């Protein structure tokens, strides 16, 4: 004899079918979530790889910049040295011109007073 509170079989099947469809929807949502998480993880890995490459590029550029600064310093030192040499050469020329001018003045004065040049 069936229980008095027992529901008809069709109602029970309908409730079970509704629950099963809910379970299927949840399973599909979970699968979509897992797929999105996997895609996000792949993007994260790609981003990390790009960051790693950028870090290597930055390190290489830092080395290049350091090399350029070394070359700049060497060039600046060479320019200063060259300017010093040119300054010394200019001083030599100036002193030689002064010496010649002084000799000409002294020679002119000596000639004016009738003093013969040495020699």
PDB file of N, CA and C in Angstrom:
ATOM      1  N   UNK A   1       0.830  -1.161   0.000  1.00  0.00           N
ATOM      2  CA  UNK A   1       0.000   0.000   0.000  1.00  0.00           C
ATOM      3  C   UNK A   1       0.890   1.245   0.000  1.00  0.00           C
ATOM      4  N   UNK A   2       0.635   2.164  -0.908  1.00  0.00           N
ATOM      5  CA  UNK A   2       1.485   3.347  -1.003  1.00  0.00           C
ATOM      6  C   UNK A   2       1.280   4.274   0.184  1.00  0.00           C
ATOM      7  N   UNK A   3       2.332   5.008   0.467  1.00  0.00           N
ATOM      8  CA  UNK A   3       2.308   5.977   1.560  1.00  0.00           C
ATOM      9  C   UNK A   3       1.343   7.099   1.187  1.00  0.00           C
ATOM     10  N   UNK A   4       0.548   7.592   2.158  1.00  0.00           N
ATOM     11  CA  UNK A   4      -0.453   8.600   1.800  1.00  0.00           C
ATOM     12  C   UNK A   4       0.174   9.924   1.318  1.00  0.00           C
ATOM     13  N   UNK A   5       1.376  10.230   1.758  1.00  0.00           N
ATOM     14  CA  UNK A   5       1.988  11.489   1.332  1.00  0.00           C
ATOM     15  C   UNK A   5       2.806  11.300   0.066  1.00  0.00           C
ATOM     16  N   UNK A   6       2.786  10.121  -0.491  1.00  0.00           N
ATOM     17  CA  UNK A   6       3.568   9.856  -1.692  1.00  0.00           C
ATOM     18  C   UNK A   6       3.008  10.665  -2.853  1.00  0.00           C
ATOM     19  N   UNK A   7       3.950  11.225  -3.666  1.00  0.00           N
ATOM     20  CA  UNK A   7       3.531  12.022  -4.816  1.00  0.00           C
ATOM     21  C   UNK A   7       3.493  11.129  -6.037  1.00  0.00           C
ATOM     22  N   UNK A   8       2.808  11.548  -7.042  1.00  0.00           N
ATOM     23  CA  UNK A   8       2.743  10.737  -8.253  1.00  0.00           C
ATOM     24  C   UNK A   8       4.138  10.622  -8.894  1.00  0.00           C
ATOM     25  N   UNK A   9       4.352   9.561  -9.597  1.00  0.00           N
ATOM     26  CA  UNK A   9       5.626   9.261 -10.234  1.00  0.00           C
ATOM     27  C   UNK A   9       6.032  10.362 -11.220  1.00  0.00           C
ATOM     28  N   UNK A  10       5.089  10.919 -11.960  1.00  0.00           N
ATOM     29  CA  UNK A  10       5.388  11.972 -12.933  1.00  0.00           C
ATOM     30  C   UNK A  10       5.978  13.207 -12.250  1.00  0.00           C
ATOM     31  N   UNK A  11       5.464  13.547 -11.068  1.00  0.00           N
ATOM     32  CA  UNK A  11       5.951  14.715 -10.331  1.00  0.00           C
ATOM     33  C   UNK A  11       7.376  14.456  -9.856  1.00  0.00           C
ATOM     34  N   UNK A  12       7.614  13.245  -9.372  1.00  0.00           N
ATOM     35  CA  UNK A  12       8.956  12.890  -8.911  1.00  0.00           C
ATOM     36  C   UNK A  12       9.945  12.940 -10.066  1.00  0.00           C
ATOM     37  N   UNK A  13       9.569  12.392 -11.208  1.00  0.00           N
ATOM     38  CA  UNK A  13      10.437  12.396 -12.386  1.00  0.00           C
ATOM     39  C   UNK A  13      10.680  13.831 -12.844  1.00  0.00           C
ATOM     40  N   UNK A  14       9.665  14.663 -12.815  1.00  0.00           N
ATOM     41  CA  UNK A  14       9.813  16.060 -13.233  1.00  0.00           C
ATOM     42  C   UNK A  14      10.788  16.792 -12.301  1.00  0.00           C
ATOM     43  N   UNK A  15      10.665  16.559 -10.984  1.00  0.00           N
ATOM     44  CA  UNK A  15      11.584  17.202 -10.037  1.00  0.00           C
ATOM     45  C   UNK A  15      13.018  16.720 -10.252  1.00  0.00           C
ATOM     46  N   UNK A  16      13.188  15.414 -10.454  1.00  0.00           N
ATOM     47  CA  UNK A  16      14.525  14.871 -10.702  1.00  0.00           C
ATOM     48  C   UNK A  16      15.105  15.418 -12.005  1.00  0.00           C
ATOM     49  N   UNK A  17      14.249  15.528 -13.029  1.00  0.00           N
ATOM     50  CA  UNK A  17      14.698  16.071 -14.314  1.00  0.00           C
ATOM     51  C   UNK A  17      15.139  17.534 -14.145  1.00  0.00           C
ATOM     52  N   UNK A  18      14.382  18.294 -13.362  1.00  0.00           N
ATOM     53  CA  UNK A  18      14.731  19.697 -13.102  1.00  0.00           C
ATOM     54  C   UNK A  18      16.063  19.799 -12.359  1.00  0.00           C
ATOM     55  N   UNK A  19      16.250  18.945 -11.388  1.00  0.00           N
ATOM     56  CA  UNK A  19      17.517  18.937 -10.642  1.00  0.00           C
ATOM     57  C   UNK A  19      18.685  18.534 -11.547  1.00  0.00           C
ATOM     58  N   UNK A  20      18.440  17.546 -12.400  1.00  0.00           N
ATOM     59  CA  UNK A  20      19.494  17.098 -13.308  1.00  0.00           C
ATOM     60  C   UNK A  20      19.868  18.220 -14.280  1.00  0.00           C
ATOM     61  N   UNK A  21      18.882  18.941 -14.798  1.00  0.00           N
ATOM     62  CA  UNK A  21      19.168  20.065 -15.703  1.00  0.00           C
ATOM     63  C   UNK A  21      19.959  21.155 -14.964  1.00  0.00           C
ATOM     64  N   UNK A  22      19.621  21.400 -13.720  1.00  0.00           N
ATOM     65  CA  UNK A  22      20.379  22.361 -12.909  1.00  0.00           C
ATOM     66  C   UNK A  22      21.819  21.899 -12.738  1.00  0.00           C
ATOM     67  N   UNK A  23      21.983  20.601 -12.499  1.00  0.00           N
ATOM     68  CA  UNK A  23      23.333  20.039 -12.369  1.00  0.00           C
ATOM     69  C   UNK A  23      24.104  20.196 -13.679  1.00  0.00           C
ATOM     70  N   UNK A  24      23.422  19.946 -14.807  1.00  0.00           N
ATOM     71  CA  UNK A  24      24.072  20.100 -16.114  1.00  0.00           C
ATOM     72  C   UNK A  24      24.504  21.552 -16.343  1.00  0.00           C
ATOM     73  N   UNK A  25      23.628  22.507 -16.013  1.00  0.00           N
ATOM     74  CA  UNK A  25      23.974  23.927 -16.174  1.00  0.00           C
ATOM     75  C   UNK A  25      25.188  24.274 -15.312  1.00  0.00           C
ATOM     76  N   UNK A  26      25.189  23.786 -14.076  1.00  0.00           N
ATOM     77  CA  UNK A  26      26.315  24.044 -13.180  1.00  0.00           C
ATOM     78  C   UNK A  26      27.594  23.428 -13.739  1.00  0.00           C
ATOM     79  N   UNK A  27      27.495  22.216 -14.277  1.00  0.00           N
ATOM     80  CA  UNK A  27      28.668  21.552 -14.862  1.00  0.00           C
ATOM     81  C   UNK A  27      29.195  22.339 -16.057  1.00  0.00           C
ATOM     82  N   UNK A  28      28.300  22.838 -16.907  1.00  0.00           N
ATOM     83  CA  UNK A  28      28.701  23.627 -18.073  1.00  0.00           C
ATOM     84  C   UNK A  28      29.371  24.922 -17.609  1.00  0.00           C
ATOM     85  N   UNK A  29      28.794  25.556 -16.588  1.00  0.00           N
ATOM     86  CA  UNK A  29      29.399  26.791 -16.062  1.00  0.00           C
ATOM     87  C   UNK A  29      30.785  26.513 -15.480  1.00  0.00           C
ATOM     88  N   UNK A  30      30.915  25.393 -14.774  1.00  0.00           N
ATOM     89  CA  UNK A  30      32.222  25.037 -14.212  1.00  0.00           C
ATOM     90  C   UNK A  30      33.234  24.787 -15.326  1.00  0.00           C
ATOM     91  N   UNK A  31      32.809  24.100 -16.379  1.00  0.00           N
ATOM     92  CA  UNK A  31      33.710  23.837 -17.507  1.00  0.00           C
ATOM     93  C   UNK A  31      34.128  25.155 -18.167  1.00  0.00           C
ATOM     94  N   UNK A  32      33.167  26.088 -18.332  1.00  0.00           N
ATOM     95  CA  UNK A  32      33.501  27.405 -18.896  1.00  0.00           C
ATOM     96  C   UNK A  32      34.478  28.152 -17.986  1.00  0.00           C
ATOM     97  N   UNK A  33      34.235  28.087 -16.685  1.00  0.00           N
ATOM     98  CA  UNK A  33      35.142  28.745 -15.734  1.00  0.00           C
ATOM     99  C   UNK A  33      36.548  28.156 -15.821  1.00  0.00           C
ATOM    100  N   UNK A  34      36.631  26.840 -15.914  1.00  0.00           N
ATOM    101  CA  UNK A  34      37.935  26.172 -16.018  1.00  0.00           C
ATOM    102  C   UNK A  34      38.632  26.576 -17.314  1.00  0.00           C
ATOM    103  N   UNK A  35      37.865  26.643 -18.421  1.00  0.00           N
ATOM    104  CA  UNK A  35      38.434  27.058 -19.706  1.00  0.00           C
ATOM    105  C   UNK A  35      38.951  28.493 -19.619  1.00  0.00           C
ATOM    106  N   UNK A  36      38.167  29.398 -19.025  1.00  0.00           N
ATOM    107  CA  UNK A  36      38.604  30.795 -18.884  1.00  0.00           C
ATOM    108  C   UNK A  36      39.844  30.895 -17.995  1.00  0.00           C
ATOM    109  N   UNK A  37      39.874  30.093 -16.936  1.00  0.00           N
ATOM    110  CA  UNK A  37      41.050  30.102 -16.056  1.00  0.00           C
ATOM    111  C   UNK A  37      42.283  29.614 -16.812  1.00  0.00           C
ATOM    112  N   UNK A  38      42.109  28.581 -17.639  1.00  0.00           N
ATOM    113  CA  UNK A  38      43.239  28.066 -18.423  1.00  0.00           C
ATOM    114  C   UNK A  38      43.719  29.129 -19.417  1.00  0.00           C
ATOM    115  N   UNK A  39      42.784  29.833 -20.072  1.00  0.00           N
ATOM    116  CA  UNK A  39      43.166  30.899 -21.000  1.00  0.00           C
ATOM    117  C   UNK A  39      43.895  32.024 -20.262  1.00  0.00           C
ATOM    118  N   UNK A  40      43.388  32.367 -19.089  1.00  0.00           N
ATOM    119  CA  UNK A  40      44.044  33.413 -18.295  1.00  0.00           C
ATOM    120  C   UNK A  40      45.447  32.982 -17.895  1.00  0.00           C
ATOM    121  N   UNK A  41      45.590  31.718 -17.537  1.00  0.00           N
ATOM    122  CA  UNK A  41      46.908  31.212 -17.159  1.00  0.00           C
ATOM    123  C   UNK A  41      47.869  31.276 -18.349  1.00  0.00           C
ATOM    124  N   UNK A  42      47.378  30.891 -19.541  1.00  0.00           N
ATOM    125  CA  UNK A  42      48.219  30.961 -20.742  1.00  0.00           C
ATOM    126  C   UNK A  42      48.646  32.400 -21.018  1.00  0.00           C
ATOM    127  N   UNK A  43      47.709  33.338 -20.870  1.00  0.00           N
ATOM    128  CA  UNK A  43      48.050  34.752 -21.074  1.00  0.00           C
ATOM    129  C   UNK A  43      49.067  35.211 -20.039  1.00  0.00           C
ATOM    130  N   UNK A  44      48.919  34.738 -18.809  1.00  0.00           N
ATOM    131  CA  UNK A  44      49.864  35.095 -17.752  1.00  0.00           C
ATOM    132  C   UNK A  44      51.260  34.570 -18.077  1.00  0.00           C
ATOM    133  N   UNK A  45      51.333  33.333 -18.561  1.00  0.00           N
ATOM    134  CA  UNK A  45      52.625  32.752 -18.937  1.00  0.00           C
ATOM    135  C   UNK A  45      53.246  33.557 -20.080  1.00  0.00           C
ATOM    136  N   UNK A  46      52.434  33.907 -21.086  1.00  0.00           N
ATOM    137  CA  UNK A  46      52.935  34.712 -22.207  1.00  0.00           C
ATOM    138  C   UNK A  46      53.423  36.076 -21.715  1.00  0.00           C
ATOM    139  N   UNK A  47      52.663  36.677 -20.810  1.00  0.00           N
ATOM    140  CA  UNK A  47      53.071  37.981 -20.264  1.00  0.00           C
ATOM    141  C   UNK A  47      54.385  37.862 -19.512  1.00  0.00           C
ATOM    142  N   UNK A  48      54.524  36.807 -18.735  1.00  0.00           N
ATOM    143  CA  UNK A  48      55.773  36.600 -17.993  1.00  0.00           C
ATOM    144  C   UNK A  48      56.947  36.403 -18.943  1.00  0.00           C
ATOM    145  N   UNK A  49      56.712  35.686 -20.050  1.00  0.00           N
ATOM    146  CA  UNK A  49      57.771  35.494 -21.043  1.00  0.00           C
ATOM    147  C   UNK A  49      58.158  36.834 -21.674  1.00  0.00           C
ATOM    148  N   UNK A  50      57.141  37.658 -21.993  1.00  0.00           N
ATOM    149  CA  UNK A  50      57.434  38.979 -22.572  1.00  0.00           C
ATOM    150  C   UNK A  50      58.180  39.848 -21.569  1.00  0.00           C
ATOM    151  N   UNK A  51      57.777  39.780 -20.310  1.00  0.00           N
ATOM    152  CA  UNK A  51      58.466  40.553 -19.270  1.00  0.00           C
ATOM    153  C   UNK A  51      59.913  40.100 -19.160  1.00  0.00           C
ATOM    154  N   UNK A  52      60.131  38.799 -19.218  1.00  0.00           N
ATOM    155  CA  UNK A  52      61.494  38.273 -19.146  1.00  0.00           C
ATOM    156  C   UNK A  52      62.331  38.786 -20.317  1.00  0.00           C
ATOM    157  N   UNK A  53      61.758  38.783 -21.520  1.00  0.00           N
ATOM    158  CA  UNK A  53      62.471  39.300 -22.693  1.00  0.00           C
ATOM    159  C   UNK A  53      62.753  40.794 -22.541  1.00  0.00           C
ATOM    160  N   UNK A  54      61.772  41.527 -22.019  1.00  0.00           N
ATOM    161  CA  UNK A  54      61.983  42.960 -21.806  1.00  0.00           C
ATOM    162  C   UNK A  54      63.076  43.209 -20.778  1.00  0.00           C
ATOM    163  N   UNK A  55      63.100  42.393 -19.732  1.00  0.00           N
ATOM    164  CA  UNK A  55      64.151  42.544 -18.720  1.00  0.00           C
ATOM    165  C   UNK A  55      65.528  42.305 -19.341  1.00  0.00           C
ATOM    166  N   UNK A  56      65.621  41.301 -20.231  1.00  0.00           N
ATOM    167  CA  UNK A  56      66.890  41.048 -20.915  1.00  0.00           C
ATOM    168  C   UNK A  56      67.260  42.227 -21.807  1.00  0.00           C
ATOM    169  N   UNK A  57      66.262  42.784 -22.520  1.00  0.00           N
ATOM    170  CA  UNK A  57      66.522  43.952 -23.368  1.00  0.00           C
ATOM    171  C   UNK A  57      66.990  45.139 -22.532  1.00  0.00           C
ATOM    172  N   UNK A  58      66.341  45.349 -21.394  1.00  0.00           N
ATOM    173  CA  UNK A  58      66.728  46.462 -20.519  1.00  0.00           C
ATOM    174  C   UNK A  58      68.163  46.273 -20.033  1.00  0.00           C
ATOM    175  N   UNK A  59      68.506  45.049 -19.645  1.00  0.00           N
ATOM    176  CA  UNK A  59      69.876  44.780 -19.183  1.00  0.00           C
ATOM    177  C   UNK A  59      70.878  45.038 -20.311  1.00  0.00           C
ATOM    178  N   UNK A  60      70.529  44.604 -21.526  1.00  0.00           N
ATOM    179  CA  UNK A  60      71.424  44.835 -22.665  1.00  0.00           C
ATOM    180  C   UNK A  60      71.565  46.334 -22.943  1.00  0.00           C
ATOM    181  N   UNK A  61      70.442  47.061 -22.846  1.00  0.00           N
ATOM    182  CA  UNK A  61      70.507  48.507 -23.068  1.00  0.00           C
ATOM    183  C   UNK A  61      71.326  49.194 -21.980  1.00  0.00           C
ATOM    184  N   UNK A  62      71.207  48.722 -20.747  1.00  0.00           N
ATOM    185  CA  UNK A  62      72.018  49.297 -19.666  1.00  0.00           C
ATOM    186  C   UNK A  62      73.501  49.090 -19.960  1.00  0.00           C
ATOM    187  N   UNK A  63      73.843  47.893 -20.433  1.00  0.00           N
ATOM    188  CA  UNK A  63      75.243  47.627 -20.795  1.00  0.00           C
ATOM    189  C   UNK A  63      75.687  48.539 -21.937  1.00  0.00           C
ATOM    190  N   UNK A  64      74.816  48.708 -22.932  1.00  0.00           N
ATOM    191  CA  UNK A  64      75.145  49.585 -24.064  1.00  0.00           C
ATOM    192  C   UNK A  64      75.328  51.022 -23.598  1.00  0.00           C
ATOM    193  N   UNK A  65      74.456  51.463 -22.709  1.00  0.00           N
ATOM    194  CA  UNK A  65      74.563  52.830 -22.192  1.00  0.00           C
ATOM    195  C   UNK A  65      75.852  52.994 -21.405  1.00  0.00           C
ATOM    196  N   UNK A  66      76.198  51.989 -20.602  1.00  0.00           N
ATOM    197  CA  UNK A  66      77.456  52.062 -19.846  1.00  0.00           C
ATOM    198  C   UNK A  66      78.646  52.149 -20.799  1.00  0.00           C
ATOM    199  N   UNK A  67      78.609  51.365 -21.871  1.00  0.00           N
ATOM    200  CA  UNK A  67      79.681  51.413 -22.871  1.00  0.00           C
ATOM    201  C   UNK A  67      79.745  52.793 -23.525  1.00  0.00           C
ATOM    202  N   UNK A  68      78.573  53.336 -23.853  1.00  0.00           N
ATOM    203  CA  UNK A  68      78.548  54.672 -24.456  1.00  0.00           C
ATOM    204  C   UNK A  68      79.107  55.724 -23.499  1.00  0.00           C
ATOM    205  N   UNK A  69      78.775  55.614 -22.211  1.00  0.00           N
ATOM    206  CA  UNK A  69      79.318  56.570 -21.241  1.00  0.00           C
ATOM    207  C   UNK A  69      80.831  56.428 -21.136  1.00  0.00           C
ATOM    208  N   UNK A  70      81.322  55.196 -21.177  1.00  0.00           N
ATOM    209  CA  UNK A  70      82.779  54.997 -21.147  1.00  0.00           C
ATOM    210  C   UNK A  70      83.438  55.639 -22.365  1.00  0.00           C
ATOM    211  N   UNK A  71      82.819  55.449 -23.534  1.00  0.00           N
ATOM    212  CA  UNK A  71      83.358  56.063 -24.751  1.00  0.00           C
ATOM    213  C   UNK A  71      83.273  57.586 -24.660  1.00  0.00           C
ATOM    214  N   UNK A  72      82.178  58.080 -24.116  1.00  0.00           N
ATOM    215  CA  UNK A  72      82.019  59.528 -23.939  1.00  0.00           C
ATOM    216  C   UNK A  72      83.111  60.076 -23.032  1.00  0.00           C
ATOM    217  N   UNK A  73      83.351  59.393 -21.916  1.00  0.00           N
ATOM    218  CA  UNK A  73      84.388  59.843 -20.982  1.00  0.00           C
ATOM    219  C   UNK A  73      85.767  59.828 -21.641  1.00  0.00           C
ATOM    220  N   UNK A  74      86.044  58.767 -22.414  1.00  0.00           N
ATOM    221  CA  UNK A  74      87.338  58.679 -23.102  1.00  0.00           C
ATOM    222  C   UNK A  74      87.471  59.802 -24.130  1.00  0.00           C
ATOM    223  N   UNK A  75      86.395  60.068 -24.865  1.00  0.00           N
ATOM    224  CA  UNK A  75      86.421  61.141 -25.858  1.00  0.00           C
ATOM    225  C   UNK A  75      86.599  62.497 -25.181  1.00  0.00           C
ATOM    226  N   UNK A  76      85.895  62.709 -24.075  1.00  0.00           N
ATOM    227  CA  UNK A  76      86.036  63.978 -23.351  1.00  0.00           C
ATOM    228  C   UNK A  76      87.471  64.149 -22.849  1.00  0.00           C
ATOM    229  N   UNK A  77      88.059  63.076 -22.345  1.00  0.00           N
ATOM    230  CA  UNK A  77      89.452  63.143 -21.879  1.00  0.00           C
ATOM    231  C   UNK A  77      90.394  63.448 -23.045  1.00  0.00           C
ATOM    232  N   UNK A  78      90.139  62.817 -24.195  1.00  0.00           N
ATOM    233  CA  UNK A  78      90.978  63.067 -25.375  1.00  0.00           C
ATOM    234  C   UNK A  78      90.831  64.515 -25.841  1.00  0.00           C
ATOM    235  N   UNK A  79      89.621  65.041 -25.781  1.00  0.00           N
ATOM    236  CA  UNK A  79      89.398  66.435 -26.189  1.00  0.00           C
ATOM    237  C   UNK A  79      90.138  67.380 -25.253  1.00  0.00           C
ATOM    238  N   UNK A  80      90.032  67.121 -23.951  1.00  0.00           N
ATOM    239  CA  UNK A  80      90.733  67.967 -22.977  1.00  0.00           C
ATOM    240  C   UNK A  80      92.237  67.896 -23.208  1.00  0.00           C
ATOM    241  N   UNK A  81      92.736  66.682 -23.440  1.00  0.00           N
ATOM    242  CA  UNK A  81      94.174  66.513 -23.691  1.00  0.00           C
ATOM    243  C   UNK A  81      94.588  67.266 -24.954  1.00  0.00           C
ATOM    244  N   UNK A  82      93.789  67.152 -26.000  1.00  0.00           N
ATOM    245  CA  UNK A  82      94.096  67.834 -27.266  1.00  0.00           C
ATOM    246  C   UNK A  82      94.060  69.346 -27.080  1.00  0.00           C
ATOM    247  N   UNK A  83      93.064  69.820 -26.337  1.00  0.00           N
ATOM    248  CA  UNK A  83      92.984  71.261 -26.096  1.00  0.00           C
ATOM    249  C   UNK A  83      94.187  71.742 -25.289  1.00  0.00           C
ATOM    250  N   UNK A  84      94.617  70.916 -24.343  1.00  0.00           N
ATOM    251  CA  UNK A  84      95.799  71.267 -23.556  1.00  0.00           C
ATOM    252  C   UNK A  84      97.021  71.340 -24.465  1.00  0.00           C
ATOM    253  N   UNK A  85      97.161  70.335 -25.344  1.00  0.00           N
ATOM    254  CA  UNK A  85      98.286  70.343 -26.294  1.00  0.00           C
ATOM    255  C   UNK A  85      98.210  71.554 -27.208  1.00  0.00           C
ATOM    256  N   UNK A  86      97.021  71.849 -27.707  1.00  0.00           N
ATOM    257  CA  UNK A  86      96.862  73.003 -28.592  1.00  0.00           C
ATOM    258  C   UNK A  86      97.163  74.293 -27.840  1.00  0.00           C
ATOM    259  N   UNK A  87      96.756  74.342 -26.582  1.00  0.00           N
ATOM    260  CA  UNK A  87      97.054  75.521 -25.770  1.00  0.00           C
ATOM    261  C   UNK A  87      98.549  75.697 -25.587  1.00  0.00           C
ATOM    262  N   UNK A  88      99.240  74.580 -25.357  1.00  0.00           N
ATOM    263  CA  UNK A  88     100.696  74.651 -25.213  1.00  0.00           C
ATOM    264  C   UNK A  88     101.341  75.060 -26.532  1.00  0.00           C
ATOM    265  N   UNK A  89     100.840  74.497 -27.641  1.00  0.00           N
ATOM    266  CA  UNK A  89     101.356  74.884 -28.958  1.00  0.00           C
ATOM    267  C   UNK A  89     101.101  76.364 -29.211  1.00  0.00           C
ATOM    268  N   UNK A  90      99.917  76.835 -28.835  1.00  0.00           N
ATOM    269  CA  UNK A  90      99.591  78.248 -29.030  1.00  0.00           C
ATOM    270  C   UNK A  90     100.508  79.128 -28.183  1.00  0.00           C
ATOM    271  N   UNK A  91     100.806  78.688 -26.974  1.00  0.00           N
ATOM    272  CA  UNK A  91     101.724  79.448 -26.112  1.00  0.00           C
ATOM    273  C   UNK A  91     103.113  79.509 -26.742  1.00  0.00           C
ATOM    274  N   UNK A  92     103.562  78.386 -27.300  1.00  0.00           N
ATOM    275  CA  UNK A  92     104.878  78.363 -27.952  1.00  0.00           C
ATOM    276  C   UNK A  92     104.914  79.345 -29.115  1.00  0.00           C
ATOM    277  N   UNK A  93     103.850  79.328 -29.933  1.00  0.00           N
ATOM    278  CA  UNK A  93     103.784  80.232 -31.081  1.00  0.00           C
ATOM    279  C   UNK A  93     103.745  81.674 -30.599  1.00  0.00           C
ATOM    280  N   UNK A  94     102.949  81.939 -29.570  1.00  0.00           N
ATOM    281  CA  UNK A  94     102.851  83.293 -29.032  1.00  0.00           C
ATOM    282  C   UNK A  94     104.204  83.772 -28.509  1.00  0.00           C
ATOM    283  N   UNK A  95     104.883  82.905 -27.752  1.00  0.00           N
ATOM    284  CA  UNK A  95     106.202  83.287 -27.236  1.00  0.00           C
ATOM    285  C   UNK A  95     107.201  83.514 -28.378  1.00  0.00           C
ATOM    286  N   UNK A  96     107.120  82.689 -29.412  1.00  0.00           N
ATOM    287  CA  UNK A  96     108.016  82.865 -30.559  1.00  0.00           C
ATOM    288  C   UNK A  96     107.728  84.197 -31.248  1.00  0.00           C
ATOM    289  N   UNK A  97     106.430  84.539 -31.405  1.00  0.00           N
ATOM    290  CA  UNK A  97     106.069  85.820 -32.007  1.00  0.00           C
ATOM    291  C   UNK A  97     106.553  86.985 -31.144  1.00  0.00           C
ATOM    292  N   UNK A  98     106.370  86.840 -29.822  1.00  0.00           N
ATOM    293  CA  UNK A  98     106.858  87.889 -28.918  1.00  0.00           C
ATOM    294  C   UNK A  98     108.376  88.028 -29.004  1.00  0.00           C
ATOM    295  N   UNK A  99     109.045  86.885 -29.094  1.00  0.00           N
ATOM    296  CA  UNK A  99     110.510  86.903 -29.208  1.00  0.00           C
ATOM    297  C   UNK A  99     110.938  87.612 -30.489  1.00  0.00           C
ATOM    298  N   UNK A 100     110.262  87.290 -31.607  1.00  0.00           N
ATOM    299  CA  UNK A 100     110.592  87.938 -32.881  1.00  0.00           C
ATOM    300  C   UNK A 100     110.264  89.426 -32.842  1.00  0.00           C
ATOM    301  N   UNK A 101     109.110  89.753 -32.246  1.00  0.00           N
ATOM    302  CA  UNK A 101     108.736  91.171 -32.160  1.00  0.00           C
ATOM    303  C   UNK A 101     109.725  91.936 -31.293  1.00  0.00           C
ATOM    304  N   UNK A 102     110.091  91.318 -30.167  1.00  0.00           N
ATOM    305  CA  UNK A 102     111.058  91.961 -29.279  1.00  0.00           C
ATOM    306  C   UNK A 102     112.407  92.126 -29.983  1.00  0.00           C
ATOM    307  N   UNK A 103     112.812  91.101 -30.726  1.00  0.00           N
ATOM    308  CA  UNK A 103     114.079  91.185 -31.478  1.00  0.00           C
ATOM    309  C   UNK A 103     114.001  92.289 -32.522  1.00  0.00           C
ATOM    310  N   UNK A 104     112.834  92.410 -33.177  1.00  0.00           N
ATOM    311  CA  UNK A 104     112.674  93.462 -34.186  1.00  0.00           C
ATOM    312  C   UNK A 104     112.731  94.836 -33.542  1.00  0.00           C
ATOM    313  N   UNK A 105     112.080  94.972 -32.382  1.00  0.00           N
ATOM    314  CA  UNK A 105     112.095  96.262 -31.681  1.00  0.00           C
ATOM    315  C   UNK A 105     113.511  96.597 -31.242  1.00  0.00           C
ATOM    316  N   UNK A 106     114.160  95.613 -30.633  1.00  0.00           N
ATOM    317  CA  UNK A 106     115.537  95.842 -30.173  1.00  0.00           C
ATOM    318  C   UNK A 106     116.445  96.135 -31.369  1.00  0.00           C
ATOM    319  N   UNK A 107     116.253  95.393 -32.456  1.00  0.00           N
ATOM    320  CA  UNK A 107     117.050  95.631 -33.674  1.00  0.00           C
ATOM    321  C   UNK A 107     116.805  97.026 -34.216  1.00  0.00           C
ATOM    322  N   UNK A 108     115.534  97.459 -34.195  1.00  0.00           N
ATOM    323  CA  UNK A 108     115.200  98.803 -34.670  1.00  0.00           C
ATOM    324  C   UNK A 108     115.835  99.869 -33.801  1.00  0.00           C
ATOM    325  N   UNK A 109     115.774  99.656 -32.489  1.00  0.00           N
ATOM    326  CA  UNK A 109     116.390 100.622 -31.567  1.00  0.00           C
ATOM    327  C   UNK A 109     117.907 100.642 -31.780  1.00  0.00           C
ATOM    328  N   UNK A 110     118.487  99.454 -31.890  1.00  0.00           N
ATOM    329  CA  UNK A 110     119.944  99.373 -32.089  1.00  0.00           C
ATOM    330  C   UNK A 110     120.336 100.045 -33.389  1.00  0.00           C
ATOM    331  N   UNK A 111     119.564  99.826 -34.456  1.00  0.00           N
ATOM    332  CA  UNK A 111     119.882 100.447 -35.746  1.00  0.00           C
ATOM    333  C   UNK A 111     119.733 101.954 -35.653  1.00  0.00           C
ATOM    334  N   UNK A 112     118.758 102.400 -34.900  1.00  0.00           N
ATOM    335  CA  UNK A 112     118.534 103.838 -34.755  1.00  0.00           C
ATOM    336  C   UNK A 112     119.727 104.517 -34.083  1.00  0.00           C
ATOM    337  N   UNK A 113     120.285 103.814 -33.107  1.00  0.00           N
ATOM    338  CA  UNK A 113     121.426 104.397 -32.390  1.00  0.00           C
ATOM    339  C   UNK A 113     122.763 103.966 -32.985  1.00  0.00           C
ATOM    340  N   UNK A 114     122.725 103.213 -34.055  1.00  0.00           N
ATOM    341  CA  UNK A 114     123.948 102.838 -34.741  1.00  0.00           C
ATOM    342  C   UNK A 114     124.709 101.713 -34.093  1.00  0.00           C
ATOM    343  N   UNK A 115     124.008 100.894 -33.311  1.00  0.00           N
ATOM    344  CA  UNK A 115     124.662  99.748 -32.675  1.00  0.00           C
ATOM    345  C   UNK A 115     124.513  98.575 -33.624  1.00  0.00           C
ATOM    346  N   UNK A 116     125.599  97.953 -34.038  1.00  0.00           N
ATOM    347  CA  UNK A 116     125.486  96.815 -34.963  1.00  0.00           C
ATOM    348  C   UNK A 116     124.900  95.593 -34.234  1.00  0.00           C
ATOM    349  N   UNK A 117     124.132  94.787 -34.959  1.00  0.00           N
ATOM    350  CA  UNK A 117     123.580  93.576 -34.339  1.00  0.00           C
ATOM    351  C   UNK A 117     124.687  92.601 -33.985  1.00  0.00           C
ATOM    352  N   UNK A 118     124.466  91.802 -32.949  1.00  0.00           N
ATOM    353  CA  UNK A 118     125.494  90.834 -32.577  1.00  0.00           C
ATOM    354  C   UNK A 118     125.614  89.758 -33.646  1.00  0.00           C
ATOM    355  N   UNK A 119     126.709  89.206 -33.746  1.00  0.00           N
ATOM    356  CA  UNK A 119     126.778  88.098 -34.626  1.00  0.00           C
ATOM    357  C   UNK A 119     127.894  87.962 -35.467  1.00  0.00           C
TER     358      UNK A 119
END
